[in-house]
Amino acid sequence: MNDKPHLDEEALAELKDVMEDEFDVLIHTYISDSADRLASIRRAIEAGDADALVKAAHSFKGSSINIGAPRLGTLCLEVENAGREERLSDAGPFVEQIDLEFQQVRSMLERILKE
């Protein structure tokens, strides 16, 4: 998993070409939605709600892959699978990794917005 980059520069460049003026809005939306999704993942684990965990992790995975954050997407997949298999205790350590990876991705994306 660690062989995946924090950000896929090619995917981001392609997204920027396609989105043009909306690219900044897309990035800001991704950052704010991701913070909400991370909170939802934490709440689902605390509540012992495997279904909510699967939904939140699946949603975060999809948006991360779409934005070009493959390592974050892979971590979310681990949590999604833990939820599907009702191994909520296994999801906890991944949530910390997701949090750290999201902070990394967010700071990289914010740098791109300033360019």
PDB file of N, CA and C in Angstrom:
ATOM      1  N   MET A   1       0.832  -1.205   0.000  1.00  0.00           N
ATOM      2  CA  MET A   1       0.000   0.000   0.000  1.00  0.00           C
ATOM      3  C   MET A   1       0.870   1.259   0.000  1.00  0.00           C
ATOM      4  N   ASN A   2       1.979   1.211   0.720  1.00  0.00           N
ATOM      5  CA  ASN A   2       2.832   2.393   0.796  1.00  0.00           C
ATOM      6  C   ASN A   2       3.528   2.725  -0.517  1.00  0.00           C
ATOM      7  N   ASP A   3       3.387   1.813  -1.500  1.00  0.00           N
ATOM      8  CA  ASP A   3       3.975   2.121  -2.798  1.00  0.00           C
ATOM      9  C   ASP A   3       3.068   3.061  -3.595  1.00  0.00           C
ATOM     10  N   LYS A   4       1.852   3.251  -3.105  1.00  0.00           N
ATOM     11  CA  LYS A   4       0.951   4.199  -3.768  1.00  0.00           C
ATOM     12  C   LYS A   4       1.319   5.619  -3.344  1.00  0.00           C
ATOM     13  N   PRO A   5       1.235   6.568  -4.282  1.00  0.00           N
ATOM     14  CA  PRO A   5       1.582   7.952  -3.924  1.00  0.00           C
ATOM     15  C   PRO A   5       0.471   8.614  -3.104  1.00  0.00           C
ATOM     16  N   HIS A   6       0.835   9.667  -2.402  1.00  0.00           N
ATOM     17  CA  HIS A   6      -0.183  10.455  -1.701  1.00  0.00           C
ATOM     18  C   HIS A   6      -1.141  11.034  -2.729  1.00  0.00           C
ATOM     19  N   LEU A   7      -0.574  11.612  -3.782  1.00  0.00           N
ATOM     20  CA  LEU A   7      -1.387  12.199  -4.854  1.00  0.00           C
ATOM     21  C   LEU A   7      -0.895  11.694  -6.202  1.00  0.00           C
ATOM     22  N   ASP A   8      -1.834  11.388  -7.055  1.00  0.00           N
ATOM     23  CA  ASP A   8      -1.529  10.987  -8.421  1.00  0.00           C
ATOM     24  C   ASP A   8      -1.522  12.262  -9.264  1.00  0.00           C
ATOM     25  N   GLU A   9      -0.324  12.766  -9.541  1.00  0.00           N
ATOM     26  CA  GLU A   9      -0.168  14.054 -10.236  1.00  0.00           C
ATOM     27  C   GLU A   9      -0.857  14.039 -11.606  1.00  0.00           C
ATOM     28  N   GLU A  10      -0.760  12.899 -12.300  1.00  0.00           N
ATOM     29  CA  GLU A  10      -1.361  12.788 -13.624  1.00  0.00           C
ATOM     30  C   GLU A  10      -2.879  12.904 -13.550  1.00  0.00           C
ATOM     31  N   ALA A  11      -3.471  12.178 -12.610  1.00  0.00           N
ATOM     32  CA  ALA A  11      -4.928  12.215 -12.440  1.00  0.00           C
ATOM     33  C   ALA A  11      -5.381  13.633 -12.082  1.00  0.00           C
ATOM     34  N   LEU A  12      -4.617  14.292 -11.211  1.00  0.00           N
ATOM     35  CA  LEU A  12      -4.963  15.663 -10.814  1.00  0.00           C
ATOM     36  C   LEU A  12      -4.856  16.625 -11.997  1.00  0.00           C
ATOM     37  N   ALA A  13      -3.807  16.476 -12.804  1.00  0.00           N
ATOM     38  CA  ALA A  13      -3.619  17.345 -13.971  1.00  0.00           C
ATOM     39  C   ALA A  13      -4.783  17.169 -14.946  1.00  0.00           C
ATOM     40  N   GLU A  14      -5.202  15.914 -15.122  1.00  0.00           N
ATOM     41  CA  GLU A  14      -6.321  15.615 -16.009  1.00  0.00           C
ATOM     42  C   GLU A  14      -7.612  16.237 -15.466  1.00  0.00           C
ATOM     43  N   LEU A  15      -7.802  16.113 -14.163  1.00  0.00           N
ATOM     44  CA  LEU A  15      -8.976  16.686 -13.513  1.00  0.00           C
ATOM     45  C   LEU A  15      -8.993  18.201 -13.684  1.00  0.00           C
ATOM     46  N   LYS A  16      -7.826  18.813 -13.549  1.00  0.00           N
ATOM     47  CA  LYS A  16      -7.721  20.266 -13.690  1.00  0.00           C
ATOM     48  C   LYS A  16      -8.085  20.689 -15.110  1.00  0.00           C
ATOM     49  N   ASP A  17      -7.636  19.917 -16.096  1.00  0.00           N
ATOM     50  CA  ASP A  17      -7.979  20.209 -17.495  1.00  0.00           C
ATOM     51  C   ASP A  17      -9.476  20.103 -17.727  1.00  0.00           C
ATOM     52  N   VAL A  18     -10.071  19.055 -17.210  1.00  0.00           N
ATOM     53  CA  VAL A  18     -11.503  18.806 -17.415  1.00  0.00           C
ATOM     54  C   VAL A  18     -12.349  19.834 -16.668  1.00  0.00           C
ATOM     55  N   MET A  19     -11.984  20.103 -15.411  1.00  0.00           N
ATOM     56  CA  MET A  19     -12.805  20.967 -14.547  1.00  0.00           C
ATOM     57  C   MET A  19     -12.586  22.460 -14.818  1.00  0.00           C
ATOM     58  N   GLU A  20     -11.418  22.805 -15.337  1.00  0.00           N
ATOM     59  CA  GLU A  20     -11.055  24.196 -15.609  1.00  0.00           C
ATOM     60  C   GLU A  20     -11.321  25.088 -14.396  1.00  0.00           C
ATOM     61  N   ASP A  21     -12.214  26.063 -14.532  1.00  0.00           N
ATOM     62  CA  ASP A  21     -12.463  27.042 -13.460  1.00  0.00           C
ATOM     63  C   ASP A  21     -13.103  26.415 -12.222  1.00  0.00           C
ATOM     64  N   GLU A  22     -13.722  25.258 -12.389  1.00  0.00           N
ATOM     65  CA  GLU A  22     -14.392  24.601 -11.257  1.00  0.00           C
ATOM     66  C   GLU A  22     -13.430  23.755 -10.418  1.00  0.00           C
ATOM     67  N   PHE A  23     -12.183  23.640 -10.853  1.00  0.00           N
ATOM     68  CA  PHE A  23     -11.216  22.783 -10.162  1.00  0.00           C
ATOM     69  C   PHE A  23     -11.054  23.186  -8.695  1.00  0.00           C
ATOM     70  N   ASP A  24     -10.899  24.478  -8.432  1.00  0.00           N
ATOM     71  CA  ASP A  24     -10.723  24.947  -7.050  1.00  0.00           C
ATOM     72  C   ASP A  24     -11.931  24.592  -6.188  1.00  0.00           C
ATOM     73  N   VAL A  25     -13.122  24.756  -6.761  1.00  0.00           N
ATOM     74  CA  VAL A  25     -14.355  24.431  -6.035  1.00  0.00           C
ATOM     75  C   VAL A  25     -14.372  22.938  -5.710  1.00  0.00           C
ATOM     76  N   LEU A  26     -13.989  22.129  -6.696  1.00  0.00           N
ATOM     77  CA  LEU A  26     -13.949  20.677  -6.512  1.00  0.00           C
ATOM     78  C   LEU A  26     -13.011  20.306  -5.361  1.00  0.00           C
ATOM     79  N   ILE A  27     -11.834  20.897  -5.333  1.00  0.00           N
ATOM     80  CA  ILE A  27     -10.852  20.590  -4.290  1.00  0.00           C
ATOM     81  C   ILE A  27     -11.371  21.022  -2.915  1.00  0.00           C
ATOM     82  N   HIS A  28     -11.920  22.230  -2.841  1.00  0.00           N
ATOM     83  CA  HIS A  28     -12.466  22.710  -1.560  1.00  0.00           C
ATOM     84  C   HIS A  28     -13.598  21.804  -1.088  1.00  0.00           C
ATOM     85  N   THR A  29     -14.455  21.380  -2.009  1.00  0.00           N
ATOM     86  CA  THR A  29     -15.578  20.503  -1.670  1.00  0.00           C
ATOM     87  C   THR A  29     -15.055  19.159  -1.177  1.00  0.00           C
ATOM     88  N   TYR A  30     -14.059  18.621  -1.873  1.00  0.00           N
ATOM     89  CA  TYR A  30     -13.476  17.340  -1.467  1.00  0.00           C
ATOM     90  C   TYR A  30     -12.913  17.445  -0.044  1.00  0.00           C
ATOM     91  N   ILE A  31     -12.189  18.521   0.240  1.00  0.00           N
ATOM     92  CA  ILE A  31     -11.574  18.684   1.559  1.00  0.00           C
ATOM     93  C   ILE A  31     -12.651  18.758   2.648  1.00  0.00           C
ATOM     94  N   SER A  32     -13.681  19.551   2.424  1.00  0.00           N
ATOM     95  CA  SER A  32     -14.702  19.689   3.468  1.00  0.00           C
ATOM     96  C   SER A  32     -15.545  18.421   3.593  1.00  0.00           C
ATOM     97  N   ASP A  33     -15.884  17.781   2.465  1.00  0.00           N
ATOM     98  CA  ASP A  33     -16.644  16.521   2.523  1.00  0.00           C
ATOM     99  C   ASP A  33     -15.831  15.426   3.212  1.00  0.00           C
ATOM    100  N   SER A  34     -14.529  15.411   2.956  1.00  0.00           N
ATOM    101  CA  SER A  34     -13.666  14.380   3.537  1.00  0.00           C
ATOM    102  C   SER A  34     -13.606  14.496   5.050  1.00  0.00           C
ATOM    103  N   ALA A  35     -13.560  15.723   5.540  1.00  0.00           N
ATOM    104  CA  ALA A  35     -13.553  15.926   6.997  1.00  0.00           C
ATOM    105  C   ALA A  35     -14.856  15.374   7.594  1.00  0.00           C
ATOM    106  N   ASP A  36     -15.984  15.606   6.904  1.00  0.00           N
ATOM    107  CA  ASP A  36     -17.276  15.075   7.358  1.00  0.00           C
ATOM    108  C   ASP A  36     -17.286  13.547   7.310  1.00  0.00           C
ATOM    109  N   ARG A  37     -16.727  12.996   6.217  1.00  0.00           N
ATOM    110  CA  ARG A  37     -16.721  11.528   6.068  1.00  0.00           C
ATOM    111  C   ARG A  37     -15.854  10.875   7.133  1.00  0.00           C
ATOM    112  N   LEU A  38     -14.731  11.496   7.451  1.00  0.00           N
ATOM    113  CA  LEU A  38     -13.856  10.971   8.495  1.00  0.00           C
ATOM    114  C   LEU A  38     -14.586  10.976   9.843  1.00  0.00           C
ATOM    115  N   ALA A  39     -15.313  12.047  10.117  1.00  0.00           N
ATOM    116  CA  ALA A  39     -16.106  12.130  11.354  1.00  0.00           C
ATOM    117  C   ALA A  39     -17.185  11.049  11.367  1.00  0.00           C
ATOM    118  N   SER A  40     -17.802  10.795  10.216  1.00  0.00           N
ATOM    119  CA  SER A  40     -18.828   9.744  10.114  1.00  0.00           C
ATOM    120  C   SER A  40     -18.243   8.366  10.378  1.00  0.00           C
ATOM    121  N   ILE A  41     -17.032   8.133   9.866  1.00  0.00           N
ATOM    122  CA  ILE A  41     -16.354   6.854  10.106  1.00  0.00           C
ATOM    123  C   ILE A  41     -16.109   6.676  11.603  1.00  0.00           C
ATOM    124  N   ARG A  42     -15.607   7.727  12.248  1.00  0.00           N
ATOM    125  CA  ARG A  42     -15.341   7.654  13.696  1.00  0.00           C
ATOM    126  C   ARG A  42     -16.636   7.393  14.481  1.00  0.00           C
ATOM    127  N   ARG A  43     -17.706   8.104  14.114  1.00  0.00           N
ATOM    128  CA  ARG A  43     -18.992   7.925  14.808  1.00  0.00           C
ATOM    129  C   ARG A  43     -19.508   6.497  14.633  1.00  0.00           C
ATOM    130  N   ALA A  44     -19.390   5.963  13.426  1.00  0.00           N
ATOM    131  CA  ALA A  44     -19.878   4.605  13.152  1.00  0.00           C
ATOM    132  C   ALA A  44     -19.124   3.575  13.993  1.00  0.00           C
ATOM    133  N   ILE A  45     -17.820   3.747  14.120  1.00  0.00           N
ATOM    134  CA  ILE A  45     -17.026   2.819  14.925  1.00  0.00           C
ATOM    135  C   ILE A  45     -17.437   2.927  16.395  1.00  0.00           C
ATOM    136  N   GLU A  46     -17.572   4.168  16.886  1.00  0.00           N
ATOM    137  CA  GLU A  46     -17.969   4.373  18.284  1.00  0.00           C
ATOM    138  C   GLU A  46     -19.338   3.768  18.565  1.00  0.00           C
ATOM    139  N   ALA A  47     -20.243   3.868  17.582  1.00  0.00           N
ATOM    140  CA  ALA A  47     -21.606   3.361  17.755  1.00  0.00           C
ATOM    141  C   ALA A  47     -21.698   1.861  17.469  1.00  0.00           C
ATOM    142  N   GLY A  48     -20.622   1.287  16.938  1.00  0.00           N
ATOM    143  CA  GLY A  48     -20.659  -0.125  16.577  1.00  0.00           C
ATOM    144  C   GLY A  48     -21.570  -0.394  15.395  1.00  0.00           C
ATOM    145  N   ASP A  49     -21.706   0.590  14.523  1.00  0.00           N
ATOM    146  CA  ASP A  49     -22.625   0.505  13.374  1.00  0.00           C
ATOM    147  C   ASP A  49     -21.842   0.143  12.104  1.00  0.00           C
ATOM    148  N   ALA A  50     -21.809  -1.155  11.803  1.00  0.00           N
ATOM    149  CA  ALA A  50     -21.030  -1.636  10.659  1.00  0.00           C
ATOM    150  C   ALA A  50     -21.570  -1.085   9.336  1.00  0.00           C
ATOM    151  N   ASP A  51     -22.902  -1.001   9.196  1.00  0.00           N
ATOM    152  CA  ASP A  51     -23.489  -0.497   7.937  1.00  0.00           C
ATOM    153  C   ASP A  51     -23.088   0.948   7.682  1.00  0.00           C
ATOM    154  N   ALA A  52     -23.184   1.776   8.720  1.00  0.00           N
ATOM    155  CA  ALA A  52     -22.810   3.185   8.572  1.00  0.00           C
ATOM    156  C   ALA A  52     -21.316   3.301   8.260  1.00  0.00           C
ATOM    157  N   LEU A  53     -20.519   2.419   8.857  1.00  0.00           N
ATOM    158  CA  LEU A  53     -19.077   2.431   8.612  1.00  0.00           C
ATOM    159  C   LEU A  53     -18.787   2.103   7.149  1.00  0.00           C
ATOM    160  N   VAL A  54     -19.444   1.079   6.621  1.00  0.00           N
ATOM    161  CA  VAL A  54     -19.246   0.682   5.224  1.00  0.00           C
ATOM    162  C   VAL A  54     -19.612   1.839   4.298  1.00  0.00           C
ATOM    163  N   LYS A  55     -20.759   2.469   4.552  1.00  0.00           N
ATOM    164  CA  LYS A  55     -21.215   3.574   3.691  1.00  0.00           C
ATOM    165  C   LYS A  55     -20.246   4.744   3.713  1.00  0.00           C
ATOM    166  N   ALA A  56     -19.832   5.145   4.903  1.00  0.00           N
ATOM    167  CA  ALA A  56     -18.928   6.302   5.033  1.00  0.00           C
ATOM    168  C   ALA A  56     -17.568   5.999   4.410  1.00  0.00           C
ATOM    169  N   ALA A  57     -17.039   4.816   4.671  1.00  0.00           N
ATOM    170  CA  ALA A  57     -15.715   4.452   4.137  1.00  0.00           C
ATOM    171  C   ALA A  57     -15.776   4.305   2.612  1.00  0.00           C
ATOM    172  N   HIS A  58     -16.879   3.725   2.112  1.00  0.00           N
ATOM    173  CA  HIS A  58     -17.039   3.548   0.661  1.00  0.00           C
ATOM    174  C   HIS A  58     -17.092   4.907  -0.041  1.00  0.00           C
ATOM    175  N   SER A  59     -17.845   5.815   0.538  1.00  0.00           N
ATOM    176  CA  SER A  59     -17.993   7.157  -0.021  1.00  0.00           C
ATOM    177  C   SER A  59     -16.653   7.902  -0.030  1.00  0.00           C
ATOM    178  N   PHE A  60     -15.915   7.811   1.082  1.00  0.00           N
ATOM    179  CA  PHE A  60     -14.614   8.470   1.207  1.00  0.00           C
ATOM    180  C   PHE A  60     -13.618   7.840   0.223  1.00  0.00           C
ATOM    181  N   LYS A  61     -13.692   6.523   0.078  1.00  0.00           N
ATOM    182  CA  LYS A  61     -12.807   5.816  -0.855  1.00  0.00           C
ATOM    183  C   LYS A  61     -13.031   6.329  -2.275  1.00  0.00           C
ATOM    184  N   GLY A  62     -14.295   6.375  -2.693  1.00  0.00           N
ATOM    185  CA  GLY A  62     -14.610   6.797  -4.058  1.00  0.00           C
ATOM    186  C   GLY A  62     -14.153   8.215  -4.350  1.00  0.00           C
ATOM    187  N   SER A  63     -14.432   9.126  -3.437  1.00  0.00           N
ATOM    188  CA  SER A  63     -14.048  10.517  -3.683  1.00  0.00           C
ATOM    189  C   SER A  63     -12.532  10.676  -3.673  1.00  0.00           C
ATOM    190  N   SER A  64     -11.847   9.916  -2.823  1.00  0.00           N
ATOM    191  CA  SER A  64     -10.380   9.999  -2.757  1.00  0.00           C
ATOM    192  C   SER A  64      -9.750   9.480  -4.044  1.00  0.00           C
ATOM    193  N   ILE A  65     -10.267   8.371  -4.543  1.00  0.00           N
ATOM    194  CA  ILE A  65      -9.742   7.824  -5.796  1.00  0.00           C
ATOM    195  C   ILE A  65     -10.021   8.791  -6.941  1.00  0.00           C
ATOM    196  N   ASN A  66     -11.228   9.362  -6.958  1.00  0.00           N
ATOM    197  CA  ASN A  66     -11.588  10.309  -8.027  1.00  0.00           C
ATOM    198  C   ASN A  66     -10.728  11.562  -8.022  1.00  0.00           C
ATOM    199  N   ILE A  67     -10.335  12.007  -6.833  1.00  0.00           N
ATOM    200  CA  ILE A  67      -9.545  13.242  -6.739  1.00  0.00           C
ATOM    201  C   ILE A  67      -8.060  12.955  -7.001  1.00  0.00           C
ATOM    202  N   GLY A  68      -7.693  11.683  -7.009  1.00  0.00           N
ATOM    203  CA  GLY A  68      -6.299  11.336  -7.265  1.00  0.00           C
ATOM    204  C   GLY A  68      -5.489  11.121  -5.998  1.00  0.00           C
ATOM    205  N   ALA A  69      -6.129  10.547  -4.971  1.00  0.00           N
ATOM    206  CA  ALA A  69      -5.446  10.239  -3.706  1.00  0.00           C
ATOM    207  C   ALA A  69      -5.511   8.720  -3.472  1.00  0.00           C
ATOM    208  N   PRO A  70      -4.694   7.951  -4.222  1.00  0.00           N
ATOM    209  CA  PRO A  70      -4.820   6.493  -4.182  1.00  0.00           C
ATOM    210  C   PRO A  70      -4.490   5.839  -2.847  1.00  0.00           C
ATOM    211  N   ARG A  71      -3.526   6.385  -2.116  1.00  0.00           N
ATOM    212  CA  ARG A  71      -3.170   5.776  -0.828  1.00  0.00           C
ATOM    213  C   ARG A  71      -4.333   5.928   0.152  1.00  0.00           C
ATOM    214  N   LEU A  72      -4.955   7.087   0.146  1.00  0.00           N
ATOM    215  CA  LEU A  72      -6.110   7.334   1.003  1.00  0.00           C
ATOM    216  C   LEU A  72      -7.265   6.405   0.606  1.00  0.00           C
ATOM    217  N   GLY A  73      -7.456   6.229  -0.695  1.00  0.00           N
ATOM    218  CA  GLY A  73      -8.506   5.324  -1.181  1.00  0.00           C
ATOM    219  C   GLY A  73      -8.294   3.896  -0.692  1.00  0.00           C
ATOM    220  N   THR A  74      -7.045   3.442  -0.709  1.00  0.00           N
ATOM    221  CA  THR A  74      -6.722   2.085  -0.264  1.00  0.00           C
ATOM    222  C   THR A  74      -6.978   1.920   1.234  1.00  0.00           C
ATOM    223  N   LEU A  75      -6.620   2.936   2.019  1.00  0.00           N
ATOM    224  CA  LEU A  75      -6.890   2.884   3.456  1.00  0.00           C
ATOM    225  C   LEU A  75      -8.393   2.830   3.732  1.00  0.00           C
ATOM    226  N   CYS A  76      -9.157   3.604   2.981  1.00  0.00           N
ATOM    227  CA  CYS A  76     -10.618   3.598   3.146  1.00  0.00           C
ATOM    228  C   CYS A  76     -11.197   2.234   2.788  1.00  0.00           C
ATOM    229  N   LEU A  77     -10.623   1.592   1.770  1.00  0.00           N
ATOM    230  CA  LEU A  77     -11.067   0.248   1.382  1.00  0.00           C
ATOM    231  C   LEU A  77     -10.853  -0.737   2.536  1.00  0.00           C
ATOM    232  N   GLU A  78      -9.741  -0.610   3.240  1.00  0.00           N
ATOM    233  CA  GLU A  78      -9.478  -1.485   4.390  1.00  0.00           C
ATOM    234  C   GLU A  78     -10.574  -1.324   5.452  1.00  0.00           C
ATOM    235  N   VAL A  79     -10.955  -0.072   5.710  1.00  0.00           N
ATOM    236  CA  VAL A  79     -11.998   0.190   6.712  1.00  0.00           C
ATOM    237  C   VAL A  79     -13.352  -0.307   6.197  1.00  0.00           C
ATOM    238  N   GLU A  80     -13.620  -0.082   4.922  1.00  0.00           N
ATOM    239  CA  GLU A  80     -14.874  -0.564   4.321  1.00  0.00           C
ATOM    240  C   GLU A  80     -14.969  -2.088   4.474  1.00  0.00           C
ATOM    241  N   ASN A  81     -13.887  -2.801   4.166  1.00  0.00           N
ATOM    242  CA  ASN A  81     -13.886  -4.264   4.281  1.00  0.00           C
ATOM    243  C   ASN A  81     -14.060  -4.711   5.733  1.00  0.00           C
ATOM    244  N   ALA A  82     -13.419  -4.011   6.657  1.00  0.00           N
ATOM    245  CA  ALA A  82     -13.575  -4.335   8.081  1.00  0.00           C
ATOM    246  C   ALA A  82     -15.043  -4.179   8.484  1.00  0.00           C
ATOM    247  N   GLY A  83     -15.687  -3.126   7.974  1.00  0.00           N
ATOM    248  CA  GLY A  83     -17.109  -2.914   8.267  1.00  0.00           C
ATOM    249  C   GLY A  83     -17.981  -4.007   7.675  1.00  0.00           C
ATOM    250  N   ARG A  84     -17.707  -4.379   6.436  1.00  0.00           N
ATOM    251  CA  ARG A  84     -18.472  -5.450   5.769  1.00  0.00           C
ATOM    252  C   ARG A  84     -18.375  -6.766   6.538  1.00  0.00           C
ATOM    253  N   GLU A  85     -17.203  -7.005   7.098  1.00  0.00           N
ATOM    254  CA  GLU A  85     -16.971  -8.257   7.833  1.00  0.00           C
ATOM    255  C   GLU A  85     -17.251  -8.089   9.332  1.00  0.00           C
ATOM    256  N   GLU A  86     -17.811  -6.934   9.697  1.00  0.00           N
ATOM    257  CA  GLU A  86     -18.159  -6.612  11.087  1.00  0.00           C
ATOM    258  C   GLU A  86     -16.964  -6.764  12.027  1.00  0.00           C
ATOM    259  N   ARG A  87     -15.792  -6.349  11.545  1.00  0.00           N
ATOM    260  CA  ARG A  87     -14.570  -6.341  12.350  1.00  0.00           C
ATOM    261  C   ARG A  87     -14.274  -4.893  12.733  1.00  0.00           C
ATOM    262  N   LEU A  88     -15.197  -4.273  13.450  1.00  0.00           N
ATOM    263  CA  LEU A  88     -15.051  -2.853  13.762  1.00  0.00           C
ATOM    264  C   LEU A  88     -13.795  -2.556  14.569  1.00  0.00           C
ATOM    265  N   SER A  89     -13.387  -3.490  15.411  1.00  0.00           N
ATOM    266  CA  SER A  89     -12.174  -3.244  16.214  1.00  0.00           C
ATOM    267  C   SER A  89     -10.935  -3.174  15.314  1.00  0.00           C
ATOM    268  N   ASP A  90     -10.980  -3.863  14.168  1.00  0.00           N
ATOM    269  CA  ASP A  90      -9.851  -3.811  13.228  1.00  0.00           C
ATOM    270  C   ASP A  90      -9.798  -2.477  12.482  1.00  0.00           C
ATOM    271  N   ALA A  91     -10.927  -1.787  12.410  1.00  0.00           N
ATOM    272  CA  ALA A  91     -10.994  -0.536  11.649  1.00  0.00           C
ATOM    273  C   ALA A  91     -10.281   0.609  12.364  1.00  0.00           C
ATOM    274  N   GLY A  92     -10.282   0.589  13.687  1.00  0.00           N
ATOM    275  CA  GLY A  92      -9.713   1.675  14.473  1.00  0.00           C
ATOM    276  C   GLY A  92      -8.318   2.123  14.068  1.00  0.00           C
ATOM    277  N   PRO A  93      -7.349   1.186  13.998  1.00  0.00           N
ATOM    278  CA  PRO A  93      -5.990   1.592  13.625  1.00  0.00           C
ATOM    279  C   PRO A  93      -5.930   2.221  12.225  1.00  0.00           C
ATOM    280  N   PHE A  94      -6.785   1.750  11.325  1.00  0.00           N
ATOM    281  CA  PHE A  94      -6.799   2.318   9.974  1.00  0.00           C
ATOM    282  C   PHE A  94      -7.330   3.752   9.981  1.00  0.00           C
ATOM    283  N   VAL A  95      -8.235   4.033  10.908  1.00  0.00           N
ATOM    284  CA  VAL A  95      -8.798   5.386  10.977  1.00  0.00           C
ATOM    285  C   VAL A  95      -7.704   6.396  11.304  1.00  0.00           C
ATOM    286  N   GLU A  96      -6.794   6.021  12.191  1.00  0.00           N
ATOM    287  CA  GLU A  96      -5.683   6.920  12.512  1.00  0.00           C
ATOM    288  C   GLU A  96      -4.810   7.140  11.277  1.00  0.00           C
ATOM    289  N   GLN A  97      -4.570   6.065  10.518  1.00  0.00           N
ATOM    290  CA  GLN A  97      -3.782   6.191   9.290  1.00  0.00           C
ATOM    291  C   GLN A  97      -4.508   7.054   8.263  1.00  0.00           C
ATOM    292  N   ILE A  98      -5.831   6.876   8.179  1.00  0.00           N
ATOM    293  CA  ILE A  98      -6.630   7.692   7.251  1.00  0.00           C
ATOM    294  C   ILE A  98      -6.530   9.158   7.639  1.00  0.00           C
ATOM    295  N   ASP A  99      -6.622   9.422   8.934  1.00  0.00           N
ATOM    296  CA  ASP A  99      -6.538  10.795   9.431  1.00  0.00           C
ATOM    297  C   ASP A  99      -5.196  11.429   9.037  1.00  0.00           C
ATOM    298  N   LEU A 100      -4.116  10.709   9.281  1.00  0.00           N
ATOM    299  CA  LEU A 100      -2.784  11.231   8.943  1.00  0.00           C
ATOM    300  C   LEU A 100      -2.627  11.412   7.435  1.00  0.00           C
ATOM    301  N   GLU A 101      -3.096  10.435   6.679  1.00  0.00           N
ATOM    302  CA  GLU A 101      -2.974  10.513   5.220  1.00  0.00           C
ATOM    303  C   GLU A 101      -3.818  11.662   4.675  1.00  0.00           C
ATOM    304  N   PHE A 102      -5.023  11.839   5.236  1.00  0.00           N
ATOM    305  CA  PHE A 102      -5.886  12.937   4.792  1.00  0.00           C
ATOM    306  C   PHE A 102      -5.222  14.281   5.071  1.00  0.00           C
ATOM    307  N   GLN A 103      -4.586  14.419   6.226  1.00  0.00           N
ATOM    308  CA  GLN A 103      -3.885  15.676   6.539  1.00  0.00           C
ATOM    309  C   GLN A 103      -2.794  15.947   5.506  1.00  0.00           C
ATOM    310  N   GLN A 104      -2.084  14.897   5.125  1.00  0.00           N
ATOM    311  CA  GLN A 104      -1.021  15.014   4.123  1.00  0.00           C
ATOM    312  C   GLN A 104      -1.603  15.431   2.772  1.00  0.00           C
ATOM    313  N   VAL A 105      -2.643  14.720   2.341  1.00  0.00           N
ATOM    314  CA  VAL A 105      -3.287  15.004   1.057  1.00  0.00           C
ATOM    315  C   VAL A 105      -3.866  16.416   1.054  1.00  0.00           C
ATOM    316  N   ARG A 106      -4.520  16.786   2.154  1.00  0.00           N
ATOM    317  CA  ARG A 106      -5.119  18.121   2.232  1.00  0.00           C
ATOM    318  C   ARG A 106      -4.057  19.207   2.089  1.00  0.00           C
ATOM    319  N   SER A 107      -2.924  19.058   2.774  1.00  0.00           N
ATOM    320  CA  SER A 107      -1.903  20.105   2.663  1.00  0.00           C
ATOM    321  C   SER A 107      -1.319  20.145   1.245  1.00  0.00           C
ATOM    322  N   MET A 108      -1.187  18.988   0.603  1.00  0.00           N
ATOM    323  CA  MET A 108      -0.686  18.964  -0.778  1.00  0.00           C
ATOM    324  C   MET A 108      -1.691  19.626  -1.731  1.00  0.00           C
ATOM    325  N   LEU A 109      -2.968  19.332  -1.525  1.00  0.00           N
ATOM    326  CA  LEU A 109      -3.998  19.937  -2.382  1.00  0.00           C
ATOM    327  C   LEU A 109      -4.066  21.451  -2.162  1.00  0.00           C
ATOM    328  N   GLU A 110      -3.932  21.868  -0.920  1.00  0.00           N
ATOM    329  CA  GLU A 110      -3.980  23.306  -0.627  1.00  0.00           C
ATOM    330  C   GLU A 110      -2.802  24.032  -1.272  1.00  0.00           C
ATOM    331  N   ARG A 111      -1.645  23.360  -1.330  1.00  0.00           N
ATOM    332  CA  ARG A 111      -0.496  23.942  -2.027  1.00  0.00           C
ATOM    333  C   ARG A 111      -0.787  24.103  -3.522  1.00  0.00           C
ATOM    334  N   ILE A 112      -1.418  23.104  -4.094  1.00  0.00           N
ATOM    335  CA  ILE A 112      -1.772  23.152  -5.528  1.00  0.00           C
ATOM    336  C   ILE A 112      -2.725  24.320  -5.794  1.00  0.00           C
ATOM    337  N   LEU A 113      -3.661  24.543  -4.885  1.00  0.00           N
ATOM    338  CA  LEU A 113      -4.618  25.650  -5.068  1.00  0.00           C
ATOM    339  C   LEU A 113      -3.929  27.006  -5.057  1.00  0.00           C
ATOM    340  N   LYS A 114      -2.823  27.100  -4.339  1.00  0.00           N
ATOM    341  CA  LYS A 114      -2.112  28.389  -4.243  1.00  0.00           C
ATOM    342  C   LYS A 114      -1.238  28.658  -5.460  1.00  0.00           C
ATOM    343  N   GLU A 115      -0.996  27.620  -6.272  1.00  0.00           N
ATOM    344  CA  GLU A 115      -0.120  27.794  -7.445  1.00  0.00           C
ATOM    345  C   GLU A 115      -0.748  28.679  -8.489  1.00  0.00           C
TER     346      GLU A 115
END
